[in-house]
Protein backbone atom coordinates (compact mmCIF):
# COMPACT_ATOMS: atom_id res chain seq x y z
CA MET A 1 45.10 -146.91 38.98
CA SER A 2 41.78 -146.42 40.79
CA GLU A 3 38.92 -144.42 39.26
CA ILE A 4 39.40 -141.79 42.11
CA ALA A 5 43.19 -141.48 41.46
CA LYS A 6 42.42 -140.78 37.82
CA VAL A 7 40.09 -137.92 38.90
CA PHE A 8 42.68 -136.40 41.18
CA LYS A 9 45.61 -136.92 38.83
CA GLY A 10 43.59 -135.26 36.10
CA LEU A 11 42.81 -132.09 38.13
CA PRO A 12 45.79 -130.01 37.03
CA LYS A 13 44.71 -130.37 33.43
CA ARG A 14 41.31 -129.16 34.24
CA PHE A 15 42.41 -126.30 36.52
CA ASN A 16 40.48 -123.05 35.88
CA LYS A 17 42.43 -120.22 37.53
CA ALA A 18 39.58 -117.85 36.76
CA GLY A 19 37.48 -119.85 39.23
CA VAL A 20 39.92 -119.34 42.09
CA THR A 21 39.13 -116.43 44.50
CA ALA A 22 42.01 -117.11 47.01
CA ALA A 23 44.71 -119.80 47.64
CA ARG A 24 43.08 -122.71 49.45
CA SER A 25 43.85 -126.33 50.32
CA TYR A 26 41.35 -129.19 50.26
CA TYR A 27 41.57 -132.57 51.82
CA PHE A 28 39.60 -135.57 50.65
CA SER A 29 39.00 -138.70 52.62
CA LEU A 30 37.12 -141.05 50.39
CA GLY A 31 36.32 -144.53 51.84
CA ASP A 32 39.10 -146.36 53.50
CA ASP A 33 41.89 -146.03 51.03
CA GLU A 34 41.72 -142.73 49.12
CA LYS A 35 43.28 -139.76 50.75
CA TRP A 36 44.09 -136.71 48.65
CA THR A 37 45.19 -133.19 49.13
CA VAL A 38 44.61 -130.52 46.64
CA ARG A 39 45.93 -126.88 46.78
CA VAL A 40 44.87 -124.27 44.42
CA GLY A 41 46.25 -120.79 44.02
CA LYS A 42 45.85 -118.03 41.47
CA ASP A 43 48.21 -119.68 38.98
CA LYS A 44 48.54 -123.35 39.76
CA CYS A 45 47.02 -126.41 41.23
CA THR A 46 48.95 -129.27 43.06
CA VAL A 47 47.71 -132.58 43.99
CA GLU A 48 49.19 -135.01 46.52
CA LYS A 49 48.18 -138.34 47.58
CA GLY A 50 47.83 -138.39 51.34
CA GLN A 51 46.43 -136.51 54.35
CA ASN A 52 46.58 -132.77 55.20
CA GLU A 53 45.05 -132.18 58.49
CA ASP A 54 45.51 -128.39 58.10
CA ALA A 55 43.50 -128.09 54.95
CA ASP A 56 41.13 -125.21 54.66
CA CYS A 57 38.34 -127.55 53.75
CA PHE A 58 37.83 -131.28 54.16
CA PHE A 59 35.36 -133.55 52.43
CA LYS A 60 34.82 -136.99 53.72
CA ALA A 61 32.38 -139.43 52.01
CA PRO A 62 32.09 -142.84 50.53
CA ALA A 63 34.21 -143.21 47.50
CA GLU A 64 31.27 -144.30 45.34
CA LEU A 65 29.35 -141.20 46.36
CA PHE A 66 32.33 -138.88 45.40
CA LEU A 67 32.45 -140.54 41.93
CA LYS A 68 28.62 -140.02 41.48
CA VAL A 69 28.97 -136.33 42.32
CA TRP A 70 32.02 -135.98 40.25
CA ASN A 71 30.33 -137.69 37.22
CA GLY A 72 27.14 -135.63 37.73
CA THR A 73 24.79 -138.48 38.61
CA HIS A 74 24.30 -137.10 42.17
CA LYS A 75 23.85 -133.60 43.24
CA LEU A 76 24.89 -133.01 47.06
CA ARG A 77 21.81 -131.98 49.12
CA PRO A 78 21.64 -130.82 52.75
CA ALA A 79 20.27 -134.29 53.57
CA ASP A 80 23.64 -135.74 52.67
CA PHE A 81 25.37 -133.60 55.34
CA LEU A 82 22.56 -133.84 57.92
CA THR A 83 22.63 -137.67 57.87
CA GLY A 84 26.45 -137.74 58.07
CA ARG A 85 26.91 -139.50 54.70
CA VAL A 86 29.08 -136.50 53.80
CA LYS A 87 31.15 -134.46 56.22
CA SER A 88 32.75 -131.16 55.62
CA ASN A 89 34.03 -128.40 57.77
CA ASN A 90 33.10 -125.85 55.10
CA PRO A 91 30.63 -126.71 52.45
CA VAL A 92 30.86 -123.21 50.91
CA LEU A 93 34.44 -123.82 50.05
CA LEU A 94 33.50 -126.96 48.20
CA LYS A 95 31.64 -124.80 45.75
CA GLU A 96 34.87 -122.82 45.14
CA PHE A 97 36.56 -126.06 44.64
CA VAL A 98 34.10 -127.07 41.94
CA ALA A 99 34.48 -123.54 40.23
CA ALA A 100 38.31 -124.20 40.03
CA PHE A 101 37.72 -127.50 38.12
CA GLU A 102 34.66 -126.85 36.13
CA LYS A 103 34.01 -129.52 33.57
CA THR A 104 34.26 -128.74 29.89
CA LYS A 105 31.19 -129.43 27.94
């Protein structure tokens, strides 16, 4: 199982429903091979491998960059978006995604 698959399959265990303001769907396209759809609601989170073109928010980036962001070794900056290294239709919703899966200390 890839490192990214481990992250996504572990999301339901990390789900923090207090961080959810509304039901949303997120699509992640990471590198050539990793495509994931995550849906969050007030009471649950579901994760599916594969593409969802109707997602409320998409995030496209190199797989290595996603892992660095996830592990806390890289913080996304406006330059990441302006250079096209990271693409998203709604960066504000990415903050909501992070709130729904806050890491435990």
